Amino acid sequence: MTPAARIAAAIDLLEVVEGAPKRPADAVANDFFRSRRYIGSGDRRAVSERVWSVLRARRRLSWWLGDAPATPRLLVASSLLLEGWTKAGVVQTFSGGQFAAPPLDRGELAVIARIEGHTLDHPEMPAAVRLEIPDWLLPRLQSRFGPGLFSEMAALSEPATLDLRANLLKGDREQARAALAAEGWEAKPTPFSPWGIRIEGRRPVTDGPAFQSGLVEIQDEGSQLVTLMVGAAPGMRVADWCAGAGGKTLALAAAMGNRGQIVACDVSAPRLDGAVRRLRRAGVHNVERHLVESGDKWLKRRAGTFDRVLVDAPCTGTGTWRRNPDARLRLKETDLSELVPKQAMILNTAQSLVRKGGRLVYATCSLLEEENEAQVTDFLRRHPGFAIVPLSRAWPLPQPAPNNGEFLSLTPARHRTDGFFTAVLERIA
């Protein structure tokens, strides 16, 4: 594709993304490219990167557009200008020629003439606009990060690395690195997880033999550390209460060497069914699936029988905005107010499975206190038979933990992972 054709395709993709506000942008993009198989891999990458750059800067671009409608055409054109393109270059790209976007009209030309020569950031921008966050979140994140807020939000706006986990059921980390090197990918060990491998940028590793054989799985290093905090060992009985498609279930099975029992639980049958193929590819055979339903007698029968219960709770996902920049545009304050009681309800249910001396591990990919520390405090008030296992005792690796305090708390700026929170709670009575 020509550069102009790539820009036109980016406008088309952005239009589809903005027309489906309830669907994740990556899912929309996958469908978009699947129906346009004539677009090669290099062109797909270029088109995606342009759209993702717009999504990461969506509030600032809209601020620059002012009263002009934030159409996909103007969003893409303004993103080019604020990256240093000239007005003449943008006009030439919107030429109306074969596969190019139609020419800019008089109103659009007036807008880009006003923007030309500026950079994306401007000192007059409101703080929430500069930080690319909803207005209602600003005081919460200011309270959370204080003077480190700008560096944390800047890190959340950077493209994420591609983190992989070596599947110990198929081989160790060095074998996985060698297999990826044979495919042409330079992979380095992650700094914290002993299973982790990191590749800079987006790479199509899922097409290669290392992934197809189950030697590696895609999993952010932060998610790997959450799994390590469970402390699952061979022979244990472990419940992954919000298992979803099974990412952490796979890591738990590898940590247990396929010995013991894991029950992957979820309220969604399609999500559990989607895990089957992943489990098979990874060589996992100590996992059973359980669909959680209202009035479930299974819960009563299994009460107090599990050594470990992992609750990777549904949350706002504020820690994953590097990968899902569109999610910050969809997040509403009502979402948070609905999620907090839902998390509490899930914890109230899952705790009944933990035996005396066993551990309940609560995790979110959120940066918000209401979903993290406050949720744990409220749980302990309701369930005094549990006590916090401080990070100094729960941390499973010989090297120091990534942070101080009672809980594991990861952020992109400090650790180059997604934002994760993990609390380990032990049943003492």
Protein backbone atom coordinates (compact mmCIF):
# COMPACT_ATOMS: atom_id res chain seq x y z
CA MET A 1 0.00 0.00 0.00
CA THR A 2 1.11 3.57 -0.63
CA PRO A 3 1.44 5.93 2.37
CA ALA A 4 -1.78 7.65 1.24
CA ALA A 5 -3.60 4.31 1.05
CA ARG A 6 -2.43 3.45 4.58
CA ILE A 7 -3.79 6.76 5.87
CA ALA A 8 -7.11 6.12 4.11
CA ALA A 9 -7.30 2.64 5.64
CA ALA A 10 -6.53 4.09 9.08
CA ILE A 11 -9.43 6.52 8.68
CA ASP A 12 -11.70 3.63 7.70
CA LEU A 13 -10.61 1.53 10.69
CA LEU A 14 -10.98 4.45 13.11
CA GLU A 15 -14.48 5.05 11.78
CA VAL A 16 -15.39 1.42 12.50
CA VAL A 17 -13.83 1.58 15.99
CA GLU A 18 -15.70 4.77 16.87
CA GLY A 19 -18.90 3.29 15.50
CA ALA A 20 -18.67 0.36 17.93
CA PRO A 21 -18.02 2.10 21.29
CA LYS A 22 -18.87 -0.97 23.38
CA ARG A 23 -16.42 -3.28 21.62
CA PRO A 24 -12.66 -3.31 22.35
CA ALA A 25 -10.69 -1.67 19.55
CA ASP A 26 -8.41 -4.67 19.09
CA ALA A 27 -11.41 -6.95 18.48
CA VAL A 28 -12.81 -4.46 15.96
CA ALA A 29 -9.42 -4.24 14.24
CA ASN A 30 -9.14 -8.03 14.01
CA ASP A 31 -12.50 -8.21 12.24
CA PHE A 32 -11.55 -5.27 10.02
CA PHE A 33 -8.36 -6.92 8.76
CA ARG A 34 -9.93 -10.38 8.56
CA SER A 35 -12.39 -9.03 6.01
CA ARG A 36 -9.54 -7.33 4.09
CA ARG A 37 -6.98 -10.08 3.67
CA TYR A 38 -5.43 -8.20 0.77
CA ILE A 39 -3.81 -5.88 3.34
CA GLY A 40 -0.35 -7.33 4.04
CA SER A 41 1.22 -7.71 7.48
CA GLY A 42 3.44 -4.62 7.16
CA ASP A 43 0.52 -2.51 6.03
CA ARG A 44 -1.67 -3.88 8.83
CA ARG A 45 0.96 -2.85 11.35
CA ALA A 46 1.25 0.66 9.89
CA VAL A 47 -2.52 1.15 9.79
CA SER A 48 -2.95 -0.16 13.35
CA GLU A 49 -0.15 2.02 14.69
CA ARG A 50 -1.74 5.13 13.18
CA VAL A 51 -5.13 4.30 14.69
CA TRP A 52 -3.63 3.43 18.08
CA SER A 53 -1.66 6.68 18.09
CA VAL A 54 -4.96 8.54 17.61
CA LEU A 55 -6.65 6.56 20.40
CA ARG A 56 -3.75 7.26 22.79
CA ALA A 57 -4.04 10.99 22.10
CA ARG A 58 -7.82 11.19 21.65
CA ARG A 59 -8.53 13.86 24.28
CA ARG A 60 -5.63 16.08 23.24
CA LEU A 61 -6.53 15.81 19.56
CA SER A 62 -10.13 16.75 20.36
CA TRP A 63 -8.87 19.74 22.35
CA TRP A 64 -6.91 20.94 19.33
CA LEU A 65 -9.94 20.51 17.08
CA GLY A 66 -11.95 22.81 19.36
CA ASP A 67 -15.48 23.28 18.07
CA ALA A 68 -14.78 21.32 14.89
CA PRO A 69 -16.33 17.84 14.81
CA ALA A 70 -13.85 15.14 15.86
CA THR A 71 -14.34 13.05 12.73
CA PRO A 72 -11.94 10.19 11.94
CA ARG A 73 -10.63 12.27 9.01
CA LEU A 74 -9.80 15.28 11.17
CA LEU A 75 -8.44 13.14 14.01
CA VAL A 76 -6.01 11.40 11.67
CA ALA A 77 -5.08 14.63 9.85
CA SER A 78 -4.47 16.49 13.11
CA SER A 79 -2.40 13.59 14.49
CA LEU A 80 -0.13 13.86 11.44
CA LEU A 81 0.22 17.63 11.80
CA LEU A 82 0.98 17.47 15.52
CA GLU A 83 3.68 14.89 14.80
CA GLY A 84 5.42 17.36 12.52
CA TRP A 85 3.80 16.95 9.11
CA THR A 86 3.17 20.08 7.07
CA LYS A 87 -0.22 21.17 5.86
CA ALA A 88 0.96 20.64 2.28
CA GLY A 89 1.97 17.06 3.09
CA VAL A 90 -1.40 16.30 4.65
CA VAL A 91 -3.27 17.84 1.71
CA GLN A 92 -1.20 15.74 -0.69
CA THR A 93 -2.04 12.59 1.30
CA PHE A 94 -5.77 13.41 1.17
CA SER A 95 -5.54 13.63 -2.62
CA GLY A 96 -8.66 11.74 -3.64
CA GLY A 97 -6.51 9.60 -5.93
CA GLN A 98 -6.71 5.83 -6.22
CA PHE A 99 -6.97 4.29 -2.70
CA ALA A 100 -6.36 7.70 -1.08
CA ALA A 101 -8.78 9.58 1.19
CA PRO A 102 -11.03 12.19 -0.48
CA PRO A 103 -9.67 15.76 -0.51
CA LEU A 104 -10.10 17.92 2.57
CA ASP A 105 -12.99 20.36 2.30
CA ARG A 106 -12.83 24.08 3.11
CA GLY A 107 -13.78 23.62 6.76
CA GLU A 108 -11.24 20.83 7.29
CA LEU A 109 -8.52 22.92 5.62
CA ALA A 110 -9.25 25.81 7.98
CA VAL A 111 -8.87 23.50 10.99
CA ILE A 112 -5.54 22.02 9.92
CA ALA A 113 -4.22 25.46 8.98
CA ARG A 114 -4.83 26.49 12.59
CA ILE A 115 -3.08 23.39 13.96
CA GLU A 116 -0.03 23.39 11.66
CA GLY A 117 3.26 24.05 13.43
CA HIS A 118 2.09 23.01 16.90
CA THR A 119 2.96 19.93 18.95
CA LEU A 120 0.52 17.60 20.65
CA ASP A 121 0.88 18.98 24.18
CA HIS A 122 0.01 22.56 25.12
CA PRO A 123 0.37 24.32 28.50
CA GLU A 124 -3.23 25.58 28.39
CA MET A 125 -4.69 22.07 28.25
CA PRO A 126 -6.63 21.00 31.35
CA ALA A 127 -4.73 18.39 33.37
CA ALA A 128 -7.15 15.56 32.60
CA VAL A 129 -6.89 16.30 28.88
CA ARG A 130 -3.08 16.33 28.97
CA LEU A 131 -3.11 13.05 30.91
CA GLU A 132 -5.67 11.43 28.58
CA ILE A 133 -8.00 10.42 31.40
CA PRO A 134 -11.68 11.08 32.19
CA ASP A 135 -12.21 14.20 34.29
CA TRP A 136 -13.80 12.25 37.16
CA LEU A 137 -10.69 10.06 37.52
CA LEU A 138 -8.23 12.91 37.98
CA PRO A 139 -8.68 13.43 41.75
CA ARG A 140 -8.55 9.69 42.41
CA LEU A 141 -5.29 9.26 40.48
CA GLN A 142 -3.79 12.43 41.99
CA SER A 143 -4.46 10.97 45.42
CA ARG A 144 -2.95 7.67 44.33
CA PHE A 145 0.27 8.86 42.70
CA GLY A 146 0.81 12.42 43.93
CA PRO A 147 3.78 14.05 42.17
CA GLY A 148 4.39 10.86 40.18
CA LEU A 149 1.05 11.15 38.39
CA PHE A 150 2.37 12.60 35.13
CA SER A 151 5.09 9.96 34.73
CA GLU A 152 2.61 7.18 35.50
CA MET A 153 0.06 8.45 32.98
CA ALA A 154 2.79 9.00 30.38
CA ALA A 155 3.83 5.36 30.79
CA LEU A 156 0.20 4.29 30.36
CA SER A 157 0.16 6.10 27.02
CA GLU A 158 3.23 4.29 25.71
CA PRO A 159 2.83 1.17 23.53
CA ALA A 160 3.17 -1.98 25.60
CA THR A 161 5.93 -4.52 25.10
CA LEU A 162 5.04 -8.04 23.98
CA ASP A 163 5.49 -10.22 27.05
CA LEU A 164 5.48 -13.99 26.79
CA ARG A 165 5.60 -16.76 29.37
CA ALA A 166 7.75 -19.84 28.84
CA ASN A 167 5.52 -22.87 29.39
CA LEU A 168 7.50 -25.06 31.79
CA LEU A 169 5.45 -28.08 30.71
CA LYS A 170 7.12 -27.81 27.30
CA GLY A 171 10.53 -26.28 28.04
CA ASP A 172 12.42 -23.66 30.04
CA ARG A 173 12.89 -19.96 29.35
CA GLU A 174 16.19 -20.36 27.49
CA GLN A 175 14.68 -22.98 25.19
CA ALA A 176 11.81 -20.60 24.50
CA ARG A 177 14.21 -17.74 23.75
CA ALA A 178 16.17 -19.94 21.36
CA ALA A 179 12.99 -21.01 19.57
CA LEU A 180 11.91 -17.39 19.17
CA ALA A 181 15.40 -16.41 17.95
CA ALA A 182 15.09 -19.09 15.27
CA GLU A 183 11.95 -17.29 14.11
CA GLY A 184 13.83 -13.98 13.97
CA TRP A 185 12.57 -12.46 17.24
CA GLU A 186 15.01 -11.06 19.79
CA ALA A 187 13.55 -11.97 23.18
CA LYS A 188 15.04 -10.91 26.53
CA PRO A 189 14.29 -12.24 30.01
CA THR A 190 11.87 -10.10 32.02
CA PRO A 191 13.38 -8.57 35.18
CA PHE A 192 11.02 -10.11 37.76
CA SER A 193 9.23 -13.21 36.47
CA PRO A 194 11.46 -16.29 36.06
CA TRP A 195 9.13 -17.44 33.28
CA GLY A 196 8.93 -14.14 31.39
CA ILE A 197 10.29 -13.20 27.97
CA ARG A 198 9.98 -9.72 26.47
CA ILE A 199 9.96 -8.61 22.84
CA GLU A 200 9.86 -4.89 22.05
CA GLY A 201 6.95 -3.82 19.84
CA ARG A 202 4.08 -5.77 18.32
CA ARG A 203 5.18 -8.98 16.61
CA PRO A 204 3.11 -11.77 14.99
CA VAL A 205 4.50 -14.51 17.25
CA THR A 206 1.22 -16.44 17.25
CA ASP A 207 1.94 -17.57 13.69
CA GLY A 208 5.25 -19.20 14.64
CA PRO A 209 6.11 -22.71 15.91
CA ALA A 210 7.11 -21.55 19.43
CA PHE A 211 3.57 -20.37 20.09
CA GLN A 212 1.77 -22.99 18.02
CA SER A 213 3.56 -25.80 19.87
CA GLY A 214 2.62 -24.36 23.26
CA LEU A 215 6.20 -23.53 24.26
CA VAL A 216 5.22 -19.88 24.88
CA GLU A 217 2.02 -18.10 25.84
CA ILE A 218 1.29 -14.38 25.60
CA GLN A 219 1.03 -13.01 29.15
CA ASP A 220 2.11 -9.67 30.61
CA GLU A 221 4.86 -9.99 33.21
CA GLY A 222 2.55 -8.42 35.78
CA SER A 223 -0.02 -11.15 35.21
CA GLN A 224 2.73 -13.74 35.60
CA LEU A 225 3.67 -12.24 38.97
CA VAL A 226 0.05 -12.39 40.11
CA THR A 227 0.11 -16.12 39.35
CA LEU A 228 3.38 -16.56 41.21
CA MET A 229 1.85 -14.85 44.25
CA VAL A 230 -0.71 -17.67 44.45
CA GLY A 231 2.09 -19.99 45.56
CA ALA A 232 0.55 -22.98 43.78
CA ALA A 233 2.68 -26.13 44.17
CA PRO A 234 2.43 -29.70 42.86
CA GLY A 235 -0.28 -31.69 44.59
CA MET A 236 -2.36 -28.69 45.72
CA ARG A 237 -6.03 -28.07 45.07
CA VAL A 238 -6.42 -24.66 43.44
CA ALA A 239 -9.49 -22.76 42.24
CA ASP A 240 -9.16 -20.05 39.61
CA TRP A 241 -12.49 -18.39 40.43
CA CYS A 242 -12.70 -15.82 37.59
CA ALA A 243 -10.78 -17.91 35.06
CA GLY A 244 -12.11 -16.36 31.86
CA ALA A 245 -10.24 -17.75 28.88
CA GLY A 246 -7.66 -19.37 31.15
CA GLY A 247 -4.50 -17.27 30.95
CA LYS A 248 -3.66 -17.59 34.64
CA THR A 249 -5.01 -21.15 34.74
CA LEU A 250 -2.32 -22.13 32.22
CA ALA A 251 0.39 -20.53 34.33
CA LEU A 252 -0.89 -22.22 37.50
CA ALA A 253 -0.83 -25.62 35.79
CA ALA A 254 2.76 -25.07 34.68
CA ALA A 255 3.79 -23.99 38.19
CA MET A 256 2.21 -27.18 39.55
CA GLY A 257 3.88 -29.39 36.94
CA ASN A 258 0.47 -30.76 35.96
CA ARG A 259 0.25 -32.39 39.41
CA GLY A 260 -2.65 -31.67 41.71
CA GLN A 261 -6.03 -30.25 40.73
CA ILE A 262 -7.10 -26.91 39.29
CA VAL A 263 -10.72 -25.94 38.86
CA ALA A 264 -11.24 -23.11 36.37
CA CYS A 265 -14.48 -21.34 37.32
CA ASP A 266 -16.39 -18.64 35.48
CA VAL A 267 -19.93 -17.38 34.95
CA SER A 268 -19.47 -17.46 31.15
CA ALA A 269 -19.67 -20.79 29.33
CA PRO A 270 -18.21 -19.33 26.08
CA ARG A 271 -15.16 -18.04 27.98
CA LEU A 272 -14.60 -21.44 29.60
CA ASP A 273 -15.09 -23.20 26.29
CA GLY A 274 -12.54 -20.87 24.74
CA ALA A 275 -9.94 -22.10 27.23
CA VAL A 276 -10.09 -25.70 25.98
CA ARG A 277 -7.94 -25.14 22.92
CA ARG A 278 -5.35 -23.19 24.93
CA LEU A 279 -5.15 -25.91 27.58
CA ARG A 280 -4.68 -28.59 24.95
CA ARG A 281 -1.96 -26.67 23.12
CA ALA A 282 -0.11 -26.05 26.40
CA GLY A 283 -0.19 -29.75 27.36
CA VAL A 284 -2.27 -29.12 30.49
CA HIS A 285 -4.28 -32.04 31.88
CA ASN A 286 -4.89 -31.26 35.58
CA VAL A 287 -7.66 -28.69 34.97
CA GLU A 288 -11.39 -29.18 35.15
CA ARG A 289 -13.86 -26.45 34.26
CA HIS A 290 -16.85 -25.37 36.30
CA LEU A 291 -19.61 -23.01 35.20
CA VAL A 292 -20.74 -20.88 38.14
CA GLU A 293 -24.52 -20.59 38.23
CA SER A 294 -27.14 -19.27 40.65
CA GLY A 295 -28.01 -21.78 43.36
CA ASP A 296 -24.86 -23.76 42.60
CA LYS A 297 -24.61 -26.75 45.00
CA TRP A 298 -21.03 -27.41 43.89
CA LEU A 299 -19.90 -24.46 46.00
CA LYS A 300 -21.35 -25.96 49.19
CA ARG A 301 -19.89 -29.39 48.46
CA ARG A 302 -16.41 -27.96 47.94
CA ALA A 303 -16.46 -25.48 50.83
CA GLY A 304 -13.22 -25.39 52.81
CA THR A 305 -11.37 -27.84 50.52
CA PHE A 306 -9.00 -25.68 48.49
CA ASP A 307 -5.41 -24.79 49.35
CA ARG A 308 -5.48 -21.72 47.11
CA VAL A 309 -8.27 -19.67 45.56
CA LEU A 310 -7.38 -16.98 43.03
CA VAL A 311 -9.91 -14.21 42.43
CA ASP A 312 -8.76 -12.17 39.42
CA ALA A 313 -11.74 -9.90 39.74
CA PRO A 314 -13.54 -7.98 37.00
CA CYS A 315 -12.44 -4.36 37.32
CA THR A 316 -12.09 -1.04 35.52
CA GLY A 317 -8.91 -2.25 33.77
CA THR A 318 -7.19 1.09 34.35
CA GLY A 319 -3.87 -0.72 34.58
CA THR A 320 -4.15 -2.08 31.02
CA TRP A 321 -4.51 1.19 29.12
CA ARG A 322 -1.15 0.69 27.37
CA ARG A 323 -2.77 -2.20 25.50
CA ASN A 324 -6.32 -0.85 25.43
CA PRO A 325 -6.11 2.93 24.97
CA ASP A 326 -9.71 3.02 23.79
CA ALA A 327 -10.88 1.66 27.16
CA ARG A 328 -10.18 4.97 28.90
CA LEU A 329 -12.65 6.64 26.55
CA ARG A 330 -15.39 4.17 27.47
CA LEU A 331 -14.88 4.12 31.25
CA LYS A 332 -17.62 5.90 33.23
CA GLU A 333 -17.86 6.67 36.94
CA THR A 334 -20.97 4.50 37.08
CA ASP A 335 -18.83 1.56 35.92
CA LEU A 336 -16.68 1.90 39.02
CA SER A 337 -19.69 2.24 41.32
CA GLU A 338 -21.15 -0.96 39.85
CA LEU A 339 -17.90 -2.94 39.93
CA VAL A 340 -16.98 -2.35 43.59
CA PRO A 341 -20.02 -4.18 45.05
CA LYS A 342 -19.66 -6.88 42.40
CA GLN A 343 -16.06 -7.49 43.49
CA ALA A 344 -17.17 -7.68 47.12
CA MET A 345 -19.86 -10.22 46.23
CA ILE A 346 -17.36 -12.36 44.33
CA LEU A 347 -14.96 -12.32 47.27
CA ASN A 348 -17.77 -13.24 49.68
CA THR A 349 -18.56 -16.28 47.52
CA ALA A 350 -15.03 -17.44 46.70
CA GLN A 351 -13.73 -17.25 50.27
CA SER A 352 -15.93 -20.18 51.32
CA LEU A 353 -13.76 -22.54 49.25
CA VAL A 354 -10.57 -21.80 51.22
CA ARG A 355 -9.54 -24.36 53.86
CA LYS A 356 -8.07 -23.32 57.20
CA GLY A 357 -4.44 -22.38 56.56
CA GLY A 358 -5.24 -21.91 52.87
CA ARG A 359 -4.94 -18.66 50.97
CA LEU A 360 -7.32 -16.39 49.08
CA VAL A 361 -5.46 -14.30 46.49
CA TYR A 362 -7.30 -11.21 45.28
CA ALA A 363 -6.04 -9.46 42.15
CA THR A 364 -7.12 -6.69 39.79
CA CYS A 365 -5.59 -4.93 36.81
CA SER A 366 -6.74 -1.63 38.31
CA LEU A 367 -4.87 1.38 39.71
CA LEU A 368 -7.79 2.58 41.86
CA GLU A 369 -7.87 2.32 45.64
CA GLU A 370 -11.59 1.54 45.74
CA GLU A 371 -10.98 -1.68 43.82
CA ASN A 372 -7.76 -2.59 45.63
CA GLU A 373 -6.75 -1.67 49.19
CA ALA A 374 -10.23 -0.45 50.17
CA GLN A 375 -11.78 -3.64 48.83
CA VAL A 376 -9.41 -5.75 50.96
CA THR A 377 -10.09 -3.64 54.08
CA ASP A 378 -13.84 -4.08 53.65
CA PHE A 379 -13.44 -7.83 53.07
CA LEU A 380 -11.45 -8.28 56.30
CA ARG A 381 -14.11 -6.36 58.20
CA ARG A 382 -16.73 -8.80 56.90
CA HIS A 383 -14.53 -11.89 57.30
CA PRO A 384 -12.33 -11.60 60.42
CA GLY A 385 -11.25 -15.22 59.98
CA PHE A 386 -8.80 -14.03 57.30
CA ALA A 387 -5.55 -12.13 57.78
CA ILE A 388 -3.20 -10.37 55.38
CA VAL A 389 -0.07 -12.25 54.39
CA PRO A 390 2.33 -9.30 53.94
CA LEU A 391 4.25 -9.04 50.69
CA SER A 392 7.53 -9.71 52.51
CA ARG A 393 6.21 -13.20 53.36
CA ALA A 394 4.02 -13.84 50.31
CA TRP A 395 6.66 -12.90 47.71
CA PRO A 396 7.80 -16.26 46.27
CA LEU A 397 11.12 -15.38 44.59
CA PRO A 398 14.64 -15.00 46.01
CA GLN A 399 15.18 -11.49 44.61
CA PRO A 400 13.48 -8.54 46.36
CA ALA A 401 9.84 -7.84 45.64
CA PRO A 402 9.11 -5.06 43.10
CA ASN A 403 7.62 -2.77 45.77
CA ASN A 404 7.34 -2.26 49.51
CA GLY A 405 4.17 -2.49 51.58
CA GLU A 406 1.65 -5.19 52.33
CA PHE A 407 0.48 -5.83 48.76
CA LEU A 408 2.01 -6.35 45.33
CA SER A 409 1.39 -3.11 43.41
CA LEU A 410 2.74 -2.85 39.86
CA THR A 411 2.62 0.09 37.45
CA PRO A 412 3.93 0.67 33.92
CA ALA A 413 6.18 3.58 34.97
CA ARG A 414 7.86 1.74 37.84
CA HIS A 415 7.96 -1.82 36.54
CA ARG A 416 7.24 -1.80 32.77
CA THR A 417 4.28 -4.09 33.37
CA ASP A 418 0.57 -3.45 33.20
CA GLY A 419 -0.88 -2.03 36.40
CA PHE A 420 -1.70 -4.89 38.79
CA PHE A 421 -2.70 -5.21 42.43
CA THR A 422 -2.47 -8.45 44.42
CA ALA A 423 -3.38 -9.16 48.05
CA VAL A 424 -2.75 -12.53 49.72
CA LEU A 425 -5.13 -13.41 52.55
CA GLU A 426 -4.87 -16.49 54.75
CA ARG A 427 -7.73 -18.22 56.54
CA ILE A 428 -6.66 -18.38 60.18
CA ALA A 429 -9.97 -19.43 61.73
